[in-house]
Each structure stands twice: as C-alpha cells, then as structure tokens.
C-alpha cells in the first residue's frame, strides 16, 4: 500500500485491494482518511456487495431519503445522468447531509459507467479553508452557529426536483425536516483538527441573523474555501473510487458531458453530532 499526497486536498492510495483489506491495512487507511479527509483509489474491481461490506467497516450505512436506490441493493444510491438529461446531481459546491442533525461521516462513490471524457469531481479542503482565515475572524466565527436546510434543494416546490427527472424523490421528507443548527467552526471528530463547516449548497444563514445580514460573510467564507490552491480535480477512470469526509471537504460534480451516460454508485455512512 502506497500513499500519494495530492497538491490540493486528499491522498491517492495505491497498490491496495479494498475488497480484501487486512486489519493492519485498514488501520493505516483510517489514519490517512482522518488526516486528509479524502482518499482516492484506482483500478478497483468491487462488486456491489463488496462496496457495501467496505462501507460497513466505517460505520452504519445511511439509506438515502432522496436518491433513487439500486434495484437490488437499497444501501446503494444511484447517481446517474442519461444522455438526454441536462441537469446532473451534485452540480455545485456542497457537502452532503449538513442538513441532518447528525451529519453523515462521508460517502464512498464508485464509478460504474463513465463518459468518454470530462465528468470530473472537484474537492476542496475545509481544514485548509479554516487555516487561511485571520486570527480575528477565527475568533469571531468560533462563537457562531449556522442554519442548514434540505428544503430548498430536495423540497416539493423546488425547480431542481423537476430538472433531475425522477432521479430524486421523497420531497415530502425534505419538506418536513427540521433545519439543524451546527457550529461554523467544528473540531473534527476523527482528526481533532479545526474545520470550517458551512457550504453553499445547504447553509442558509447564521443562527440569529437574517439571510441578508449573513450573505456577505458567508460569501466571503465560500470564496476562501474555493481557493484553487485547496482544490483537487479528480479525473474518473474505470475502477476509480472516491471516499470523502463530509466534515472536512466540499465537492462539486462537473456537468460537462452532455449527450453521454454517467453512472455512479454511492454509499453514505452515518456520522455524529458536531461540536466546536
């Protein structure tokens, strides 16, 4: 097993069969994942059941409420785009499940069918975003919490639901979800490092502030987190897998392969409540 640290965020783990991990290999993988918040694998040949088994080594699987499930394996969410469809899933900077009271630990995405070109996924580091802030802003943000929500993305009155053409569902569940409040700066539960925890996809405003008051500071934080120096642009290949930590990264699925099919299998792992 070889570890190749990447310039933006994350590490590529080479010469490892994640379908047949030894206890020692898994312990080393846990260490790398906690430290980097993102790991990539190449040339894997995981069956859907092996995908599920690997995910279960990290925690309880979250059965996604909004994504269409695999026809035989309900643990696997289908992230697909057909040639005739124009909107993709995940086409904007976000982190999964920040709209939950206990946000997900992370997601394991397996490439199953890829377009001949493009369709990269971009990732950026919330550790690096936090480190880039001034001491005074860190101190200010340490006392703030932010409101997150799924309603404006997955709810019944949202244009995105119509654009995705039946690939997402259960909008009533989104309509009924409470909007949780999380610290803006968290202490990561695995690494112990500080990370910025707001995102453009699901963060509405600072708790106790209006949306209008929140927008300038939130937009500044978003700009910091999008710094190209913190970003890795992952190029998918057959057999590629990405495993990201939702508490330490954002991601952005590029929508630049119109007229082609792209099918990914995603499993999300349950997390825990976050603290400052």
C-alpha atoms as a PDB file:
ATOM      1  CA  UNK A   1       0.000   0.000   0.000  1.00  0.00           C
ATOM      2  CA  UNK A   2       1.397   3.370  -1.086  1.00  0.00           C
ATOM      3  CA  UNK A   3       0.137   6.842  -0.146  1.00  0.00           C
ATOM      4  CA  UNK A   4       0.456   9.720  -2.627  1.00  0.00           C
ATOM      5  CA  UNK A   5      -0.494  13.075  -1.104  1.00  0.00           C
ATOM      6  CA  UNK A   6      -2.098  15.422  -3.620  1.00  0.00           C
ATOM      7  CA  UNK A   7      -1.394  19.119  -4.089  1.00  0.00           C
ATOM      8  CA  UNK A   8      -4.920  20.349  -3.381  1.00  0.00           C
ATOM      9  CA  UNK A   9      -6.702  18.062  -0.944  1.00  0.00           C
ATOM     10  CA  UNK A  10      -6.666  14.342  -0.300  1.00  0.00           C
ATOM     11  CA  UNK A  11      -4.425  11.385  -0.953  1.00  0.00           C
ATOM     12  CA  UNK A  12      -4.353   8.665  -3.572  1.00  0.00           C
ATOM     13  CA  UNK A  13      -3.955   5.187  -2.091  1.00  0.00           C
ATOM     14  CA  UNK A  14      -2.177   2.851  -4.492  1.00  0.00           C
ATOM     15  CA  UNK A  15      -1.437  -0.873  -4.641  1.00  0.00           C
ATOM     16  CA  UNK A  16      -4.284  -1.797  -2.327  1.00  0.00           C
ATOM     17  CA  UNK A  17      -7.279  -4.093  -2.926  1.00  0.00           C
ATOM     18  CA  UNK A  18     -10.000  -2.590  -0.730  1.00  0.00           C
ATOM     19  CA  UNK A  19     -12.145  -5.662  -1.258  1.00  0.00           C
ATOM     20  CA  UNK A  20      -9.603  -7.697   0.725  1.00  0.00           C
ATOM     21  CA  UNK A  21      -8.162  -5.457   3.427  1.00  0.00           C
ATOM     22  CA  UNK A  22      -6.108  -6.806   6.288  1.00  0.00           C
ATOM     23  CA  UNK A  23      -6.610  -5.358   9.769  1.00  0.00           C
ATOM     24  CA  UNK A  24      -3.266  -3.562   9.517  1.00  0.00           C
ATOM     25  CA  UNK A  25      -4.104  -2.072   6.119  1.00  0.00           C
ATOM     26  CA  UNK A  26      -7.481  -0.887   7.355  1.00  0.00           C
ATOM     27  CA  UNK A  27      -5.893   0.780  10.404  1.00  0.00           C
ATOM     28  CA  UNK A  28      -3.480   2.660   8.137  1.00  0.00           C
ATOM     29  CA  UNK A  29      -6.350   3.659   5.858  1.00  0.00           C
ATOM     30  CA  UNK A  30      -8.265   5.004   8.871  1.00  0.00           C
ATOM     31  CA  UNK A  31      -5.276   7.148   9.778  1.00  0.00           C
ATOM     32  CA  UNK A  32      -4.924   8.585   6.270  1.00  0.00           C
ATOM     33  CA  UNK A  33      -8.645   9.246   5.972  1.00  0.00           C
ATOM     34  CA  UNK A  34      -8.783  11.100   9.299  1.00  0.00           C
ATOM     35  CA  UNK A  35      -5.752  13.209   8.429  1.00  0.00           C
ATOM     36  CA  UNK A  36      -6.625  14.038   4.813  1.00  0.00           C
ATOM     37  CA  UNK A  37     -10.439  13.917   4.815  1.00  0.00           C
ATOM     38  CA  UNK A  38     -10.384  12.416   1.326  1.00  0.00           C
ATOM     39  CA  UNK A  39      -8.899   9.301  -0.259  1.00  0.00           C
ATOM     40  CA  UNK A  40      -8.945   8.057  -3.847  1.00  0.00           C
ATOM     41  CA  UNK A  41      -8.457   4.525  -5.121  1.00  0.00           C
ATOM     42  CA  UNK A  42      -7.689   3.322  -8.642  1.00  0.00           C
ATOM     43  CA  UNK A  43      -8.112   0.037 -10.507  1.00  0.00           C
ATOM     44  CA  UNK A  44     -10.565  -1.487  -8.050  1.00  0.00           C
ATOM     45  CA  UNK A  45     -12.985  -4.271  -9.036  1.00  0.00           C
ATOM     46  CA  UNK A  46     -15.579  -4.017  -6.273  1.00  0.00           C
ATOM     47  CA  UNK A  47     -18.880  -5.817  -6.618  1.00  0.00           C
ATOM     48  CA  UNK A  48     -21.903  -4.010  -5.153  1.00  0.00           C
ATOM     49  CA  UNK A  49     -21.774  -6.338  -2.136  1.00  0.00           C
ATOM     50  CA  UNK A  50     -18.074  -5.616  -1.578  1.00  0.00           C
ATOM     51  CA  UNK A  51     -18.882  -1.899  -1.788  1.00  0.00           C
ATOM     52  CA  UNK A  52     -21.445  -2.398   0.989  1.00  0.00           C
ATOM     53  CA  UNK A  53     -19.054  -4.521   3.064  1.00  0.00           C
ATOM     54  CA  UNK A  54     -16.294  -1.911   2.786  1.00  0.00           C
ATOM     55  CA  UNK A  55     -18.681   0.853   3.848  1.00  0.00           C
ATOM     56  CA  UNK A  56     -19.842  -1.117   6.877  1.00  0.00           C
ATOM     57  CA  UNK A  57     -16.284  -1.271   8.178  1.00  0.00           C
ATOM     58  CA  UNK A  58     -16.537   2.504   8.696  1.00  0.00           C
ATOM     59  CA  UNK A  59     -19.949   2.691  10.321  1.00  0.00           C
ATOM     60  CA  UNK A  60     -23.674   2.290   9.852  1.00  0.00           C
ATOM     61  CA  UNK A  61     -24.938   2.909   6.334  1.00  0.00           C
ATOM     62  CA  UNK A  62     -27.324   5.798   5.730  1.00  0.00           C
ATOM     63  CA  UNK A  63     -30.158   4.761   3.409  1.00  0.00           C
ATOM     64  CA  UNK A  64     -30.578   7.912   1.352  1.00  0.00           C
ATOM     65  CA  UNK A  65     -34.023   9.503   1.565  1.00  0.00           C
ATOM     66  CA  UNK A  66     -33.897  11.399  -1.710  1.00  0.00           C
ATOM     67  CA  UNK A  67     -31.848   9.424  -4.235  1.00  0.00           C
ATOM     68  CA  UNK A  68     -33.174   6.539  -6.294  1.00  0.00           C
ATOM     69  CA  UNK A  69     -31.867   3.278  -4.810  1.00  0.00           C
ATOM     70  CA  UNK A  70     -30.143   0.421  -6.632  1.00  0.00           C
ATOM     71  CA  UNK A  71     -32.744  -2.141  -7.708  1.00  0.00           C
ATOM     72  CA  UNK A  72     -31.059  -4.985  -5.773  1.00  0.00           C
ATOM     73  CA  UNK A  73     -29.013  -3.184  -3.112  1.00  0.00           C
ATOM     74  CA  UNK A  74     -31.009  -0.499  -1.248  1.00  0.00           C
ATOM     75  CA  UNK A  75     -27.853   0.624   0.572  1.00  0.00           C
ATOM     76  CA  UNK A  76     -26.529   1.976  -2.748  1.00  0.00           C
ATOM     77  CA  UNK A  77     -27.823   5.303  -4.064  1.00  0.00           C
ATOM     78  CA  UNK A  78     -27.791   5.749  -7.821  1.00  0.00           C
ATOM     79  CA  UNK A  79     -26.071   8.917  -9.043  1.00  0.00           C
ATOM     80  CA  UNK A  80     -26.770   8.847 -12.755  1.00  0.00           C
ATOM     81  CA  UNK A  81     -27.228  11.082 -15.768  1.00  0.00           C
ATOM     82  CA  UNK A  82     -28.634   9.803 -19.055  1.00  0.00           C
ATOM     83  CA  UNK A  83     -27.642  11.191 -22.497  1.00  0.00           C
ATOM     84  CA  UNK A  84     -30.913  13.098 -22.897  1.00  0.00           C
ATOM     85  CA  UNK A  85     -30.750  14.733 -19.457  1.00  0.00           C
ATOM     86  CA  UNK A  86     -29.229  18.175 -18.935  1.00  0.00           C
ATOM     87  CA  UNK A  87     -29.086  18.573 -15.135  1.00  0.00           C
ATOM     88  CA  UNK A  88     -26.681  16.453 -13.131  1.00  0.00           C
ATOM     89  CA  UNK A  89     -26.750  15.563  -9.434  1.00  0.00           C
ATOM     90  CA  UNK A  90     -24.323  17.429  -7.205  1.00  0.00           C
ATOM     91  CA  UNK A  91     -23.584  20.160  -9.736  1.00  0.00           C
ATOM     92  CA  UNK A  92     -22.497  22.857  -7.286  1.00  0.00           C
ATOM     93  CA  UNK A  93     -20.184  23.182  -4.291  1.00  0.00           C
ATOM     94  CA  UNK A  94     -21.695  21.434  -1.254  1.00  0.00           C
ATOM     95  CA  UNK A  95     -21.123  18.881   1.469  1.00  0.00           C
ATOM     96  CA  UNK A  96     -23.581  16.010   1.849  1.00  0.00           C
ATOM     97  CA  UNK A  97     -26.051  15.828   4.720  1.00  0.00           C
ATOM     98  CA  UNK A  98     -25.187  19.048   6.542  1.00  0.00           C
ATOM     99  CA  UNK A  99     -28.998  19.371   6.628  1.00  0.00           C
ATOM    100  CA  UNK A 100     -29.132  16.469   9.129  1.00  0.00           C
ATOM    101  CA  UNK A 101     -28.961  16.910  12.900  1.00  0.00           C
ATOM    102  CA  UNK A 102     -26.147  14.335  12.854  1.00  0.00           C
ATOM    103  CA  UNK A 103     -24.353  14.939   9.537  1.00  0.00           C
ATOM    104  CA  UNK A 104     -23.004  11.950   7.630  1.00  0.00           C
ATOM    105  CA  UNK A 105     -19.408  10.880   8.174  1.00  0.00           C
ATOM    106  CA  UNK A 106     -18.763  10.536   4.476  1.00  0.00           C
ATOM    107  CA  UNK A 107     -19.603   8.939   1.173  1.00  0.00           C
ATOM    108  CA  UNK A 108     -17.955   6.240  -0.942  1.00  0.00           C
ATOM    109  CA  UNK A 109     -18.538   6.815  -4.661  1.00  0.00           C
ATOM    110  CA  UNK A 110     -17.736   4.047  -7.157  1.00  0.00           C
ATOM    111  CA  UNK A 111     -17.507   4.678 -10.913  1.00  0.00           C
ATOM    112  CA  UNK A 112     -19.686   2.213 -12.838  1.00  0.00           C
ATOM    113  CA  UNK A 113     -20.159   3.848 -16.256  1.00  0.00           C
ATOM    114  CA  UNK A 114     -18.247   6.907 -17.417  1.00  0.00           C
ATOM    115  CA  UNK A 115     -18.453   9.305 -20.358  1.00  0.00           C
ATOM    116  CA  UNK A 116     -15.535   9.148 -22.804  1.00  0.00           C
ATOM    117  CA  UNK A 117     -14.250  12.480 -21.446  1.00  0.00           C
ATOM    118  CA  UNK A 118     -14.953  15.019 -18.683  1.00  0.00           C
ATOM    119  CA  UNK A 119     -17.263  14.386 -15.710  1.00  0.00           C
ATOM    120  CA  UNK A 120     -14.568  15.156 -13.127  1.00  0.00           C
ATOM    121  CA  UNK A 121     -15.428  15.774  -9.474  1.00  0.00           C
ATOM    122  CA  UNK A 122     -13.753  18.674  -7.701  1.00  0.00           C
ATOM    123  CA  UNK A 123     -12.975  18.607  -3.977  1.00  0.00           C
ATOM    124  CA  UNK A 124     -11.774  21.319  -1.604  1.00  0.00           C
ATOM    125  CA  UNK A 125     -10.464  21.224   1.975  1.00  0.00           C
ATOM    126  CA  UNK A 126     -12.283  22.713   4.957  1.00  0.00           C
ATOM    127  CA  UNK A 127      -9.130  22.253   7.038  1.00  0.00           C
ATOM    128  CA  UNK A 128      -7.243  24.496   4.599  1.00  0.00           C
ATOM    129  CA  UNK A 129     -10.134  26.984   4.464  1.00  0.00           C
ATOM    130  CA  UNK A 130     -10.072  27.339   8.252  1.00  0.00           C
ATOM    131  CA  UNK A 131      -6.283  27.705   8.338  1.00  0.00           C
ATOM    132  CA  UNK A 132      -6.490  30.501   5.740  1.00  0.00           C
ATOM    133  CA  UNK A 133      -8.672  32.718   7.957  1.00  0.00           C
ATOM    134  CA  UNK A 134      -7.192  35.508  10.053  1.00  0.00           C
ATOM    135  CA  UNK A 135      -6.905  35.001  13.832  1.00  0.00           C
ATOM    136  CA  UNK A 136      -9.547  37.686  14.409  1.00  0.00           C
ATOM    137  CA  UNK A 137     -12.057  36.092  12.050  1.00  0.00           C
ATOM    138  CA  UNK A 138     -11.427  32.655  13.556  1.00  0.00           C
ATOM    139  CA  UNK A 139     -12.211  34.115  16.971  1.00  0.00           C
ATOM    140  CA  UNK A 140     -15.431  35.709  15.688  1.00  0.00           C
ATOM    141  CA  UNK A 141     -16.593  32.557  13.914  1.00  0.00           C
ATOM    142  CA  UNK A 142     -15.863  30.363  16.930  1.00  0.00           C
ATOM    143  CA  UNK A 143     -18.941  31.754  18.669  1.00  0.00           C
ATOM    144  CA  UNK A 144     -21.263  31.467  15.646  1.00  0.00           C
ATOM    145  CA  UNK A 145     -23.628  28.720  14.531  1.00  0.00           C
ATOM    146  CA  UNK A 146     -25.316  28.379  11.147  1.00  0.00           C
ATOM    147  CA  UNK A 147     -28.684  27.090   9.975  1.00  0.00           C
ATOM    148  CA  UNK A 148     -28.668  24.338   7.333  1.00  0.00           C
ATOM    149  CA  UNK A 149     -31.604  23.015   5.309  1.00  0.00           C
ATOM    150  CA  UNK A 150     -32.599  20.500   2.608  1.00  0.00           C
ATOM    151  CA  UNK A 151     -35.912  22.116   1.695  1.00  0.00           C
ATOM    152  CA  UNK A 152     -34.581  24.478  -0.976  1.00  0.00           C
ATOM    153  CA  UNK A 153     -32.810  21.584  -2.753  1.00  0.00           C
ATOM    154  CA  UNK A 154     -34.956  18.473  -2.278  1.00  0.00           C
ATOM    155  CA  UNK A 155     -38.330  20.007  -1.321  1.00  0.00           C
ATOM    156  CA  UNK A 156     -41.551  19.624  -3.308  1.00  0.00           C
ATOM    157  CA  UNK A 157     -41.639  23.192  -4.631  1.00  0.00           C
ATOM    158  CA  UNK A 158     -38.079  23.244  -5.945  1.00  0.00           C
ATOM    159  CA  UNK A 159     -37.096  23.510  -9.610  1.00  0.00           C
ATOM    160  CA  UNK A 160     -34.157  21.131  -9.046  1.00  0.00           C
ATOM    161  CA  UNK A 161     -36.573  18.292  -8.313  1.00  0.00           C
ATOM    162  CA  UNK A 162     -38.159  18.764 -11.742  1.00  0.00           C
ATOM    163  CA  UNK A 163     -34.835  19.198 -13.538  1.00  0.00           C
ATOM    164  CA  UNK A 164     -33.465  15.882 -12.270  1.00  0.00           C
ATOM    165  CA  UNK A 165     -36.335  13.996 -13.904  1.00  0.00           C
ATOM    166  CA  UNK A 166     -37.254  11.389 -11.321  1.00  0.00           C
ATOM    167  CA  UNK A 167     -33.703  10.669 -10.150  1.00  0.00           C
ATOM    168  CA  UNK A 168     -34.567  12.289  -6.826  1.00  0.00           C
ATOM    169  CA  UNK A 169     -37.720  11.765  -4.799  1.00  0.00           C
ATOM    170  CA  UNK A 170     -39.386  11.805  -1.387  1.00  0.00           C
ATOM    171  CA  UNK A 171     -39.743  15.573  -1.423  1.00  0.00           C
ATOM    172  CA  UNK A 172     -42.275  15.359   1.396  1.00  0.00           C
ATOM    173  CA  UNK A 173     -39.497  14.141   3.680  1.00  0.00           C
ATOM    174  CA  UNK A 174     -37.428  17.213   2.815  1.00  0.00           C
ATOM    175  CA  UNK A 175     -40.419  19.482   3.426  1.00  0.00           C
ATOM    176  CA  UNK A 176     -40.828  18.008   6.914  1.00  0.00           C
ATOM    177  CA  UNK A 177     -37.204  18.023   8.012  1.00  0.00           C
ATOM    178  CA  UNK A 178     -36.180  20.429  10.781  1.00  0.00           C
ATOM    179  CA  UNK A 179     -33.422  22.884   9.867  1.00  0.00           C
ATOM    180  CA  UNK A 180     -30.494  21.948  12.111  1.00  0.00           C
ATOM    181  CA  UNK A 181     -28.009  24.394  13.587  1.00  0.00           C
ATOM    182  CA  UNK A 182     -24.295  23.489  13.525  1.00  0.00           C
ATOM    183  CA  UNK A 183     -21.155  25.296  14.712  1.00  0.00           C
ATOM    184  CA  UNK A 184     -19.485  27.350  11.979  1.00  0.00           C
ATOM    185  CA  UNK A 185     -16.109  26.103  13.182  1.00  0.00           C
ATOM    186  CA  UNK A 186     -16.034  22.451  14.232  1.00  0.00           C
ATOM    187  CA  UNK A 187     -13.484  20.255  15.921  1.00  0.00           C
ATOM    188  CA  UNK A 188     -13.304  17.293  13.581  1.00  0.00           C
ATOM    189  CA  UNK A 189     -14.423  14.148  15.419  1.00  0.00           C
ATOM    190  CA  UNK A 190     -11.716  11.936  13.860  1.00  0.00           C
ATOM    191  CA  UNK A 191      -8.677  14.170  13.435  1.00  0.00           C
ATOM    192  CA  UNK A 192      -9.268  16.715  16.221  1.00  0.00           C
ATOM    193  CA  UNK A 193      -8.391  19.481  13.755  1.00  0.00           C
ATOM    194  CA  UNK A 194     -10.445  22.642  13.271  1.00  0.00           C
ATOM    195  CA  UNK A 195     -12.512  22.887  10.077  1.00  0.00           C
ATOM    196  CA  UNK A 196     -14.858  25.419   8.512  1.00  0.00           C
ATOM    197  CA  UNK A 197     -18.393  23.987   8.445  1.00  0.00           C
ATOM    198  CA  UNK A 198     -20.616  25.999   6.124  1.00  0.00           C
ATOM    199  CA  UNK A 199     -21.315  25.277   2.454  1.00  0.00           C
ATOM    200  CA  UNK A 200     -23.083  26.977  -0.485  1.00  0.00           C
ATOM    201  CA  UNK A 201     -25.458  24.058  -1.058  1.00  0.00           C
ATOM    202  CA  UNK A 202     -27.214  23.772   2.290  1.00  0.00           C
ATOM    203  CA  UNK A 203     -26.199  26.641   4.621  1.00  0.00           C
ATOM    204  CA  UNK A 204     -28.932  29.307   4.796  1.00  0.00           C
ATOM    205  CA  UNK A 205     -27.708  31.872   7.320  1.00  0.00           C
ATOM    206  CA  UNK A 206     -26.044  32.372  10.675  1.00  0.00           C
ATOM    207  CA  UNK A 207     -28.245  31.473  13.612  1.00  0.00           C
ATOM    208  CA  UNK A 208     -29.919  34.626  14.946  1.00  0.00           C
ATOM    209  CA  UNK A 209     -29.023  36.583  11.797  1.00  0.00           C
ATOM    210  CA  UNK A 210     -31.196  37.300   8.764  1.00  0.00           C
ATOM    211  CA  UNK A 211     -30.266  35.858   5.380  1.00  0.00           C
ATOM    212  CA  UNK A 212     -29.422  39.370   4.159  1.00  0.00           C
ATOM    213  CA  UNK A 213     -27.113  40.020   7.114  1.00  0.00           C
ATOM    214  CA  UNK A 214     -25.469  36.617   6.698  1.00  0.00           C
ATOM    215  CA  UNK A 215     -24.815  36.782   2.957  1.00  0.00           C
ATOM    216  CA  UNK A 216     -21.674  38.993   2.887  1.00  0.00           C
ATOM    217  CA  UNK A 217     -19.768  36.958   5.458  1.00  0.00           C
ATOM    218  CA  UNK A 218     -20.971  33.610   4.132  1.00  0.00           C
ATOM    219  CA  UNK A 219     -19.979  34.572   0.595  1.00  0.00           C
ATOM    220  CA  UNK A 220     -16.542  35.622   1.842  1.00  0.00           C
ATOM    221  CA  UNK A 221     -16.095  32.248   3.554  1.00  0.00           C
ATOM    222  CA  UNK A 222     -17.248  30.453   0.419  1.00  0.00           C
ATOM    223  CA  UNK A 223     -14.698  32.369  -1.640  1.00  0.00           C
ATOM    224  CA  UNK A 224     -11.919  31.410   0.762  1.00  0.00           C
ATOM    225  CA  UNK A 225     -12.889  27.743   0.570  1.00  0.00           C
ATOM    226  CA  UNK A 226     -12.933  27.815  -3.255  1.00  0.00           C
ATOM    227  CA  UNK A 227      -9.297  28.917  -3.462  1.00  0.00           C
ATOM    228  CA  UNK A 228      -7.721  26.925  -6.287  1.00  0.00           C
ATOM    229  CA  UNK A 229      -4.788  26.038  -4.027  1.00  0.00           C
ATOM    230  CA  UNK A 230      -7.121  23.913  -1.880  1.00  0.00           C
ATOM    231  CA  UNK A 231      -8.847  22.120  -4.782  1.00  0.00           C
ATOM    232  CA  UNK A 232      -8.220  18.691  -6.293  1.00  0.00           C
ATOM    233  CA  UNK A 233      -9.875  17.955  -9.638  1.00  0.00           C
ATOM    234  CA  UNK A 234     -10.367  14.193  -9.641  1.00  0.00           C
ATOM    235  CA  UNK A 235     -10.410  12.537 -13.060  1.00  0.00           C
ATOM    236  CA  UNK A 236     -12.512   9.401 -13.007  1.00  0.00           C
ATOM    237  CA  UNK A 237     -11.330   6.225 -14.716  1.00  0.00           C
ATOM    238  CA  UNK A 238     -12.811   2.713 -14.787  1.00  0.00           C
ATOM    239  CA  UNK A 239     -12.236   1.216 -11.334  1.00  0.00           C
ATOM    240  CA  UNK A 240     -11.924   4.601  -9.590  1.00  0.00           C
ATOM    241  CA  UNK A 241     -13.363   5.193  -6.119  1.00  0.00           C
ATOM    242  CA  UNK A 242     -13.533   8.383  -4.052  1.00  0.00           C
ATOM    243  CA  UNK A 243     -14.154   8.340  -0.301  1.00  0.00           C
ATOM    244  CA  UNK A 244     -14.679  11.792   1.174  1.00  0.00           C
ATOM    245  CA  UNK A 245     -15.318  13.078   4.675  1.00  0.00           C
ATOM    246  CA  UNK A 246     -18.300  15.428   4.682  1.00  0.00           C
ATOM    247  CA  UNK A 247     -16.985  17.247   7.767  1.00  0.00           C
ATOM    248  CA  UNK A 248     -13.621  18.069   6.149  1.00  0.00           C
ATOM    249  CA  UNK A 249     -14.375  18.633   2.449  1.00  0.00           C
ATOM    250  CA  UNK A 250     -16.785  20.006  -0.123  1.00  0.00           C
ATOM    251  CA  UNK A 251     -17.277  18.518  -3.582  1.00  0.00           C
ATOM    252  CA  UNK A 252     -18.657  19.615  -6.969  1.00  0.00           C
ATOM    253  CA  UNK A 253     -19.660  17.202  -9.763  1.00  0.00           C
ATOM    254  CA  UNK A 254     -18.851  18.801 -13.116  1.00  0.00           C
ATOM    255  CA  UNK A 255     -21.678  18.816 -15.656  1.00  0.00           C
ATOM    256  CA  UNK A 256     -19.667  18.902 -18.887  1.00  0.00           C
ATOM    257  CA  UNK A 257     -20.509  15.626 -20.662  1.00  0.00           C
ATOM    258  CA  UNK A 258     -23.930  16.300 -22.220  1.00  0.00           C
ATOM    259  CA  UNK A 259     -25.160  13.566 -24.523  1.00  0.00           C
ATOM    260  CA  UNK A 260     -23.249  10.862 -22.629  1.00  0.00           C
ATOM    261  CA  UNK A 261     -24.194   8.454 -19.851  1.00  0.00           C
ATOM    262  CA  UNK A 262     -22.545   8.518 -16.417  1.00  0.00           C
ATOM    263  CA  UNK A 263     -23.498   6.101 -13.633  1.00  0.00           C
ATOM    264  CA  UNK A 264     -22.006   6.122 -10.131  1.00  0.00           C
ATOM    265  CA  UNK A 265     -22.851   4.072  -7.035  1.00  0.00           C
ATOM    266  CA  UNK A 266     -22.787   5.990  -3.743  1.00  0.00           C
ATOM    267  CA  UNK A 267     -22.953   4.732  -0.181  1.00  0.00           C
ATOM    268  CA  UNK A 268     -23.159   7.238   2.656  1.00  0.00           C
ATOM    269  CA  UNK A 269     -22.007   6.427   6.199  1.00  0.00           C
ATOM    270  CA  UNK A 270     -23.732   7.768   9.283  1.00  0.00           C
ATOM    271  CA  UNK A 271     -21.893  10.332  11.380  1.00  0.00           C
ATOM    272  CA  UNK A 272     -22.430  12.110  14.672  1.00  0.00           C
ATOM    273  CA  UNK A 273     -23.401  15.458  16.147  1.00  0.00           C
ATOM    274  CA  UNK A 274     -20.742  18.130  15.641  1.00  0.00           C
ATOM    275  CA  UNK A 275     -19.141  20.318  18.281  1.00  0.00           C
ATOM    276  CA  UNK A 276     -16.991  23.430  18.191  1.00  0.00           C
END
